[in-house]
Amino acid sequence: MLDYKFNSKLITTNQLLKELNIKLCALDFWKTQWRKRGFDCWEMGMRLIGKKAYWDPIVFTQWLFENKCLNKPTNLMEREENKKLVAFLIRNTKVKNEE
């Protein structure tokens, strides 16, 4: 079952990579692609505080699902299931202190 729990609302890049088992080169590539398409990394969940990047893990996991999921729905029934999966992801991704 998908049930991510994070220790805080903002986490460092290293914590994000460790929690979700993503490589830094993949994250950098995704950010570059996203910016080339005209979007801001804010929509990915990245928050710049001073010169350090922090991540909103809930926003990032939702972005990851919506933009990097390879098996996109092809018919109306699959699209409805996709919406339910996004809702499930949002419900089950939370900060530990909010339990």
Protein backbone atom coordinates (compact mmCIF):
# COMPACT_ATOMS: atom_id res chain seq x y z
CA MET A 1 0.00 0.00 0.00
CA LEU A 2 1.17 3.51 -0.81
CA ASP A 3 1.63 5.34 2.49
CA TYR A 4 4.41 7.92 2.60
CA LYS A 5 4.95 9.77 5.85
CA PHE A 6 7.47 12.58 6.06
CA ASN A 7 8.96 14.14 9.20
CA SER A 8 8.36 17.74 8.14
CA LYS A 9 6.50 19.84 5.61
CA LEU A 10 9.73 20.81 3.82
CA ILE A 11 12.65 18.45 3.38
CA THR A 12 16.11 18.83 1.86
CA THR A 13 16.93 17.52 -1.58
CA ASN A 14 19.04 14.73 -0.06
CA GLN A 15 16.17 13.64 2.18
CA LEU A 16 13.76 13.65 -0.77
CA LEU A 17 16.09 11.54 -2.87
CA LYS A 18 16.67 9.09 -0.03
CA GLU A 19 12.97 8.75 0.89
CA LEU A 20 11.79 8.19 -2.68
CA ASN A 21 14.89 6.33 -3.92
CA ILE A 22 15.56 8.73 -6.79
CA LYS A 23 19.00 9.63 -8.15
CA LEU A 24 20.14 13.25 -8.18
CA CYS A 25 20.87 13.11 -11.92
CA ALA A 26 17.26 12.04 -12.60
CA LEU A 27 15.88 14.88 -10.48
CA ASP A 28 18.16 17.41 -12.19
CA PHE A 29 17.10 16.10 -15.61
CA TRP A 30 13.40 16.36 -14.69
CA LYS A 31 13.88 19.92 -13.42
CA THR A 32 15.68 20.90 -16.64
CA GLN A 33 12.96 19.37 -18.82
CA TRP A 34 10.26 21.06 -16.73
CA ARG A 35 11.88 24.50 -17.05
CA LYS A 36 12.41 24.03 -20.82
CA ARG A 37 8.68 23.44 -21.15
CA GLY A 38 8.14 26.87 -19.57
CA PHE A 39 7.14 25.81 -16.08
CA ASP A 40 8.61 26.81 -12.75
CA CYS A 41 10.12 24.33 -10.29
CA TRP A 42 7.72 25.73 -7.67
CA GLU A 43 5.04 23.55 -9.28
CA MET A 44 7.25 20.50 -8.66
CA GLY A 45 7.35 21.33 -4.96
CA MET A 46 10.79 22.99 -4.85
CA ARG A 47 11.05 25.93 -2.45
CA LEU A 48 14.18 28.08 -2.44
CA ILE A 49 15.04 29.47 0.97
CA GLY A 50 18.15 31.59 0.70
CA LYS A 51 20.47 29.55 -1.50
CA LYS A 52 19.15 26.16 -0.39
CA ALA A 53 16.48 24.09 -2.10
CA TYR A 54 13.82 22.46 0.04
CA TRP A 55 10.98 20.30 -1.21
CA ASP A 56 7.34 19.97 -0.29
CA PRO A 57 7.20 16.15 -0.44
CA ILE A 58 3.44 15.98 -0.92
CA VAL A 59 3.48 18.35 -3.89
CA PHE A 60 6.49 16.54 -5.36
CA THR A 61 4.95 13.06 -5.10
CA GLN A 62 1.79 14.35 -6.74
CA TRP A 63 3.86 16.02 -9.51
CA LEU A 64 5.85 12.82 -9.92
CA PHE A 65 2.69 10.77 -10.38
CA GLU A 66 1.02 13.22 -12.76
CA ASN A 67 4.09 13.88 -14.92
CA LYS A 68 6.30 10.79 -14.79
CA CYS A 69 3.79 7.95 -14.71
CA LEU A 70 4.38 5.98 -17.90
CA ASN A 71 1.10 4.12 -18.19
CA LYS A 72 -1.33 6.98 -18.84
CA PRO A 73 -5.02 6.13 -19.11
CA THR A 74 -6.37 5.70 -22.63
CA ASN A 75 -10.12 5.48 -22.09
CA LEU A 76 -12.72 7.09 -19.82
CA MET A 77 -12.75 4.22 -17.33
CA GLU A 78 -8.96 4.33 -16.93
CA ARG A 79 -9.08 8.14 -16.55
CA GLU A 80 -11.58 7.78 -13.72
CA GLU A 81 -9.33 5.21 -12.05
CA ASN A 82 -6.42 7.62 -12.52
CA LYS A 83 -8.35 10.38 -10.69
CA LYS A 84 -9.07 7.95 -7.85
CA LEU A 85 -5.39 7.02 -7.66
CA VAL A 86 -4.39 10.71 -7.45
CA ALA A 87 -6.92 11.20 -4.64
CA PHE A 88 -5.58 8.10 -2.89
CA LEU A 89 -2.04 9.41 -3.22
CA ILE A 90 -2.99 12.77 -1.72
CA ARG A 91 -4.80 11.11 1.19
CA ASN A 92 -1.90 8.78 1.99
CA THR A 93 0.95 11.24 1.68
CA LYS A 94 1.24 13.34 4.80
CA VAL A 95 3.62 14.76 7.33
CA LYS A 96 4.13 12.47 10.37
CA ASN A 97 3.20 15.25 12.81
CA GLU A 98 -0.27 15.62 11.26
CA GLU A 99 -1.45 12.10 12.21
